[in-house]
Amino acid sequence: MDRVGVIGLGKMGLPIALNLMERGFSVTGYRRHGSPELAEAGGTVAGSAAEVAASADVLLSIVPDAEAVEEIIAGPSGTLTTIKPGTIHLEMSTIAVTRKARLRDEVQARGGDLLDCPISGTPGMVAPRQATTFASGEEASVELVRRVLDAISGPWVYTGPFGTGAHLKYIANLLLAVHTVAAAEAMALARCSGLDLGLVHQTLDNSIAGSTIWKVRGSLMAERRWSPAPGPVATLQPILAQIEAYAAETGLAPTVFAAAKEVFDKAYADGWGDLDIACVHDQVSGRSALGEAP
């Protein structure tokens, strides 16, 4: 399975495609607005998702939302129109499991299989292979694409039956949201205390109170630097809504997560969607990330 089709050559999909090519895979890609970057790197740019599926042994898709996933798979020019029996489709978008499962059933009806394989990490983590892929679905299908998973970006883990990959991604992003707001409150308190913020960041980074979020986002909060955004609020926002819905399905009411989500909801409503998630520092401290303090 050396011919891989990548659908969605955006901030995540393009570096994934380039990583695959570096590992010796032949890559054909598709993006609605084209991808000169893939062509310049030696990949093939297709004119539709159907064209990608016609030439690939393995498909990989990573697009913004459920509607886009359904369009590139079940739309008029979607992969279902040309997919070959035996094709394995790694669907890496973060959408509700029930919607993705319906598409898996349609792929299986045509002799292929679709795996739920969301990726955890920012776009900047993909190229240097620091992101983690959560692969779920038929274990036999996962084994067939092990080399592809190895090449995508950093470590990957088989999480179990279909949908468990998405659920692990939800848990990861629940922690991401909570840790970010906690770090924002800590940095805001340090600022109000008149402490040297660089010293605070460095000292706590090496203590039991530190975290990966504190390490990565703490300096951004200290400097109030939100652009360019490694992880925009707008990217996280729909995932938080999915986590909220999934938690409700399980009967759980996570109060700390709910409080963190409220902060992100307010940031998004205030027009901060293009800013890095570290900007919630200004939410919790009563500042305006888009201008002067109110």
Protein backbone atom coordinates (compact mmCIF):
# COMPACT_ATOMS: atom_id res chain seq x y z
CA MET A 1 0.00 0.00 0.00
CA ASP A 2 2.44 2.61 -1.26
CA ARG A 3 0.01 4.95 -3.05
CA VAL A 4 -1.64 7.33 -0.58
CA GLY A 5 -4.34 9.86 -1.38
CA VAL A 6 -4.54 12.88 0.94
CA ILE A 7 -7.75 14.92 0.88
CA GLY A 8 -7.54 18.26 2.66
CA LEU A 9 -4.13 19.86 2.13
CA GLY A 10 -4.47 22.60 4.74
CA LYS A 11 -2.36 23.40 7.78
CA MET A 12 -2.47 19.78 8.97
CA GLY A 13 -2.96 17.85 5.74
CA LEU A 14 -0.09 19.37 3.75
CA PRO A 15 2.66 18.55 6.27
CA ILE A 16 1.17 15.08 6.64
CA ALA A 17 1.40 14.63 2.87
CA LEU A 18 5.01 15.86 2.85
CA ASN A 19 5.91 13.51 5.71
CA LEU A 20 4.48 10.60 3.72
CA MET A 21 6.51 11.57 0.67
CA GLU A 22 9.68 11.80 2.78
CA ARG A 23 9.06 8.20 3.84
CA GLY A 24 8.82 7.03 0.23
CA PHE A 25 5.08 7.02 -0.39
CA SER A 26 3.60 8.19 -3.67
CA VAL A 27 1.08 10.91 -2.76
CA THR A 28 -1.86 12.28 -4.70
CA GLY A 29 -3.68 15.12 -2.99
CA TYR A 30 -6.78 17.23 -3.35
CA ARG A 31 -7.76 20.63 -2.00
CA ARG A 32 -10.63 22.73 -3.29
CA HIS A 33 -8.34 25.69 -3.98
CA GLY A 34 -5.43 23.64 -5.27
CA SER A 35 -2.04 23.00 -3.70
CA PRO A 36 1.02 24.30 -5.55
CA GLU A 37 3.09 23.36 -2.49
CA LEU A 38 2.35 19.65 -2.99
CA ALA A 39 3.12 19.85 -6.69
CA GLU A 40 6.42 21.65 -6.00
CA ALA A 41 7.37 18.88 -3.57
CA GLY A 42 6.80 16.22 -6.23
CA GLY A 43 3.28 15.12 -5.36
CA THR A 44 0.32 14.87 -7.72
CA VAL A 45 -2.56 17.31 -7.38
CA ALA A 46 -5.96 15.86 -8.31
CA GLY A 47 -9.08 17.73 -9.37
CA SER A 48 -11.49 15.99 -6.99
CA ALA A 49 -11.73 13.54 -4.11
CA ALA A 50 -13.02 10.95 -6.57
CA GLU A 51 -9.88 11.33 -8.66
CA VAL A 52 -7.75 10.76 -5.57
CA ALA A 53 -9.64 7.59 -4.62
CA ALA A 54 -9.32 6.17 -8.13
CA SER A 55 -5.53 6.01 -7.88
CA ALA A 56 -4.89 5.33 -4.18
CA ASP A 57 -4.42 2.18 -2.09
CA VAL A 58 -4.86 4.19 1.13
CA LEU A 59 -6.94 7.33 1.60
CA LEU A 60 -6.39 9.94 4.27
CA SER A 61 -8.68 12.90 4.89
CA ILE A 62 -8.46 15.80 7.31
CA VAL A 63 -10.99 18.58 6.72
CA PRO A 64 -12.63 21.22 8.95
CA ASP A 65 -16.09 19.84 9.75
CA ALA A 66 -18.67 17.07 9.32
CA GLU A 67 -20.22 18.65 6.25
CA ALA A 68 -16.84 18.71 4.51
CA VAL A 69 -16.19 15.07 5.47
CA GLU A 70 -19.53 13.99 4.05
CA GLU A 71 -18.95 15.99 0.86
CA ILE A 72 -15.52 14.50 0.10
CA ILE A 73 -16.75 10.96 0.78
CA ALA A 74 -20.44 10.80 -0.21
CA GLY A 75 -20.76 13.89 -2.40
CA PRO A 76 -21.19 13.86 -6.22
CA SER A 77 -17.40 13.87 -6.70
CA GLY A 78 -16.67 11.99 -3.49
CA THR A 79 -14.47 8.97 -2.88
CA LEU A 80 -17.41 6.55 -2.85
CA THR A 81 -17.85 7.06 -6.59
CA THR A 82 -14.44 5.57 -7.42
CA ILE A 83 -13.12 3.78 -4.33
CA LYS A 84 -11.59 0.35 -5.02
CA PRO A 85 -12.28 -2.78 -2.92
CA GLY A 86 -9.60 -3.20 -0.29
CA THR A 87 -8.94 0.53 0.10
CA ILE A 88 -8.38 1.69 3.70
CA HIS A 89 -9.51 5.25 4.47
CA LEU A 90 -7.95 6.99 7.47
CA GLU A 91 -10.44 9.71 8.43
CA MET A 92 -8.54 12.15 10.65
CA SER A 93 -11.09 14.96 11.04
CA THR A 94 -12.63 15.51 14.48
CA ILE A 95 -16.38 15.08 14.05
CA ALA A 96 -19.15 13.23 15.89
CA VAL A 97 -18.58 9.47 15.84
CA THR A 98 -22.15 8.72 14.77
CA ARG A 99 -21.74 10.74 11.56
CA LYS A 100 -18.38 9.19 10.78
CA ALA A 101 -19.73 5.68 11.47
CA ARG A 102 -22.42 6.11 8.81
CA LEU A 103 -19.74 6.92 6.26
CA ARG A 104 -17.69 3.93 7.41
CA ASP A 105 -20.69 1.69 6.71
CA GLU A 106 -20.94 3.05 3.17
CA VAL A 107 -17.23 2.50 2.56
CA GLN A 108 -17.47 -1.06 3.87
CA ALA A 109 -20.45 -1.71 1.58
CA ARG A 110 -18.09 -1.01 -1.33
CA GLY A 111 -15.43 -3.42 -0.09
CA GLY A 112 -13.18 -0.98 1.71
CA ASP A 113 -12.87 0.17 5.30
CA LEU A 114 -12.78 3.53 7.07
CA LEU A 115 -10.87 4.08 10.30
CA ASP A 116 -11.45 6.84 12.84
CA CYS A 117 -7.98 8.38 13.26
CA PRO A 118 -8.02 11.90 14.73
CA ILE A 119 -4.68 13.58 15.33
CA SER A 120 -3.73 15.42 18.50
CA GLY A 121 -1.38 18.38 18.14
CA THR A 122 -1.00 21.78 16.51
CA PRO A 123 -0.04 22.28 12.85
CA GLY A 124 3.46 23.21 13.99
CA MET A 125 3.83 19.80 15.64
CA VAL A 126 3.00 17.79 12.52
CA ALA A 127 6.06 18.40 10.31
CA PRO A 128 8.62 17.60 13.05
CA ARG A 129 6.63 14.45 13.91
CA GLN A 130 5.52 15.53 17.37
CA ALA A 131 1.75 15.03 16.94
CA THR A 132 -0.05 11.84 18.04
CA THR A 133 -2.59 9.90 15.97
CA PHE A 134 -5.36 7.95 17.70
CA ALA A 135 -6.27 5.05 15.38
CA SER A 136 -9.53 3.18 15.96
CA GLY A 137 -11.58 0.66 14.02
CA GLU A 138 -11.02 -2.85 12.70
CA GLU A 139 -7.64 -3.98 14.04
CA ALA A 140 -6.89 -5.93 10.86
CA SER A 141 -7.34 -2.75 8.81
CA VAL A 142 -5.08 -0.82 11.16
CA GLU A 143 -2.38 -3.46 10.71
CA LEU A 144 -2.59 -3.06 6.92
CA VAL A 145 -1.81 0.66 7.16
CA ARG A 146 0.74 0.49 9.97
CA ARG A 147 3.50 1.87 7.70
CA VAL A 148 1.28 4.80 6.72
CA LEU A 149 0.50 5.56 10.36
CA ASP A 150 4.22 5.41 11.16
CA ALA A 151 4.89 8.00 8.45
CA ILE A 152 2.10 10.49 9.17
CA SER A 153 3.51 12.42 12.13
CA GLY A 154 5.12 11.17 15.30
CA PRO A 155 3.72 8.45 17.55
CA TRP A 156 0.37 6.74 17.09
CA VAL A 157 -1.69 4.43 19.23
CA TYR A 158 -4.39 1.88 18.47
CA THR A 159 -7.22 2.85 20.83
CA GLY A 160 -9.65 0.02 20.06
CA PRO A 161 -13.06 -0.21 18.36
CA PHE A 162 -14.25 2.44 15.93
CA GLY A 163 -14.85 5.79 17.63
CA THR A 164 -12.51 5.30 20.56
CA GLY A 165 -9.97 7.44 18.72
CA ALA A 166 -12.39 10.37 18.71
CA HIS A 167 -13.25 9.80 22.35
CA LEU A 168 -9.58 9.87 23.34
CA LYS A 169 -9.20 13.08 21.30
CA TYR A 170 -12.12 14.52 23.30
CA ILE A 171 -10.36 13.68 26.57
CA ALA A 172 -7.13 15.22 25.31
CA ASN A 173 -8.91 18.44 24.32
CA LEU A 174 -10.86 18.56 27.58
CA LEU A 175 -7.50 18.65 29.37
CA LEU A 176 -6.15 21.15 26.85
CA ALA A 177 -9.02 23.56 27.52
CA VAL A 178 -8.89 23.21 31.30
CA HIS A 179 -5.09 23.49 31.49
CA THR A 180 -5.09 26.56 29.23
CA VAL A 181 -7.62 28.45 31.35
CA ALA A 182 -5.81 27.41 34.54
CA ALA A 183 -2.51 28.64 33.12
CA ALA A 184 -4.19 31.88 32.03
CA GLU A 185 -5.53 32.51 35.53
CA ALA A 186 -2.13 31.76 37.08
CA MET A 187 -0.32 34.14 34.72
CA ALA A 188 -2.97 36.83 35.25
CA LEU A 189 -2.52 36.56 39.03
CA ALA A 190 1.26 36.75 38.62
CA ARG A 191 0.83 39.89 36.52
CA CYS A 192 -1.43 41.48 39.14
CA SER A 193 1.14 40.62 41.81
CA GLY A 194 3.85 42.55 40.02
CA LEU A 195 6.08 39.49 39.67
CA ASP A 196 8.68 39.01 36.96
CA LEU A 197 6.58 37.00 34.49
CA GLY A 198 9.59 35.41 32.82
CA LEU A 199 10.82 34.24 36.20
CA VAL A 200 7.36 32.89 37.07
CA HIS A 201 7.17 30.99 33.79
CA GLN A 202 10.64 29.48 34.09
CA THR A 203 10.34 28.60 37.78
CA LEU A 204 6.97 26.85 37.55
CA ASP A 205 7.90 25.13 34.30
CA ASN A 206 10.38 23.02 36.26
CA SER A 207 8.09 22.40 39.23
CA ILE A 208 5.27 20.03 40.08
CA ALA A 209 2.85 22.84 39.15
CA GLY A 210 4.07 22.93 35.55
CA SER A 211 2.41 21.38 32.51
CA THR A 212 2.97 21.14 28.77
CA ILE A 213 0.43 23.92 28.29
CA TRP A 214 2.29 26.10 30.80
CA LYS A 215 5.56 25.36 28.98
CA VAL A 216 4.19 26.12 25.50
CA ARG A 217 1.62 28.84 26.21
CA GLY A 218 3.00 30.46 29.36
CA SER A 219 5.45 32.71 27.50
CA LEU A 220 2.72 33.76 25.06
CA MET A 221 0.54 34.75 27.99
CA ALA A 222 3.39 36.61 29.69
CA GLU A 223 4.04 38.59 26.49
CA ARG A 224 0.34 38.83 25.51
CA ARG A 225 1.32 37.49 22.08
CA TRP A 226 -1.60 35.85 20.27
CA SER A 227 -0.57 36.04 16.59
CA PRO A 228 0.53 34.15 14.63
CA ALA A 229 -1.63 31.54 16.31
CA PRO A 230 -0.20 28.01 16.75
CA GLY A 231 -3.70 26.91 17.80
CA PRO A 232 -6.55 29.35 17.10
CA VAL A 233 -9.65 29.58 19.29
CA ALA A 234 -11.81 28.93 16.20
CA THR A 235 -10.16 25.54 15.65
CA LEU A 236 -10.77 24.39 19.22
CA GLN A 237 -14.30 25.77 19.54
CA PRO A 238 -16.26 23.10 17.60
CA ILE A 239 -14.35 20.33 19.37
CA LEU A 240 -15.38 21.75 22.74
CA ALA A 241 -19.02 21.60 21.62
CA GLN A 242 -18.53 17.94 20.65
CA ILE A 243 -16.98 17.18 24.04
CA GLU A 244 -19.92 18.83 25.80
CA ALA A 245 -22.41 16.77 23.77
CA TYR A 246 -20.51 13.52 24.25
CA ALA A 247 -20.18 14.07 28.01
CA ALA A 248 -23.95 14.63 28.18
CA GLU A 249 -24.48 11.33 26.35
CA THR A 250 -22.45 9.51 28.99
CA GLY A 251 -24.36 11.20 31.82
CA LEU A 252 -21.30 13.08 33.02
CA ALA A 253 -21.47 16.80 33.87
CA PRO A 254 -17.81 17.93 34.03
CA THR A 255 -17.98 21.20 35.97
CA VAL A 256 -14.34 22.29 35.52
CA PHE A 257 -14.57 21.71 31.78
CA ALA A 258 -17.85 23.63 31.66
CA ALA A 259 -16.19 26.62 33.31
CA ALA A 260 -13.28 26.48 30.86
CA LYS A 261 -15.61 26.16 27.88
CA GLU A 262 -17.50 29.24 29.03
CA VAL A 263 -14.25 31.24 28.86
CA PHE A 264 -13.53 29.99 25.33
CA ASP A 265 -17.14 30.63 24.27
CA LYS A 266 -16.81 34.23 25.40
CA ALA A 267 -13.49 34.65 23.60
CA TYR A 268 -15.02 33.33 20.38
CA ALA A 269 -18.12 35.51 20.75
CA ASP A 270 -15.86 38.54 21.24
CA GLY A 271 -14.29 37.94 17.83
CA TRP A 272 -11.06 36.34 19.02
CA GLY A 273 -11.42 33.22 16.85
CA ASP A 274 -8.24 33.83 14.84
CA LEU A 275 -6.12 34.37 17.96
CA ASP A 276 -4.18 31.65 19.74
CA ILE A 277 -5.97 29.90 22.60
CA ALA A 278 -3.49 31.57 24.99
CA CYS A 279 -5.54 34.76 24.51
CA VAL A 280 -7.95 33.54 27.20
CA HIS A 281 -5.42 35.15 29.54
CA ASP A 282 -7.07 38.44 28.56
CA GLN A 283 -10.55 36.97 29.09
CA VAL A 284 -9.83 36.00 32.69
CA SER A 285 -7.98 39.25 33.43
CA GLY A 286 -10.58 41.60 31.95
CA ARG A 287 -8.43 42.82 29.06
CA SER A 288 -9.24 43.05 25.37
CA ALA A 289 -6.99 40.83 23.27
CA LEU A 290 -7.96 42.89 20.21
CA GLY A 291 -6.98 46.28 21.64
CA GLU A 292 -6.72 48.30 24.80
CA ALA A 293 -7.94 47.05 28.16
CA PRO A 294 -11.68 47.81 28.59
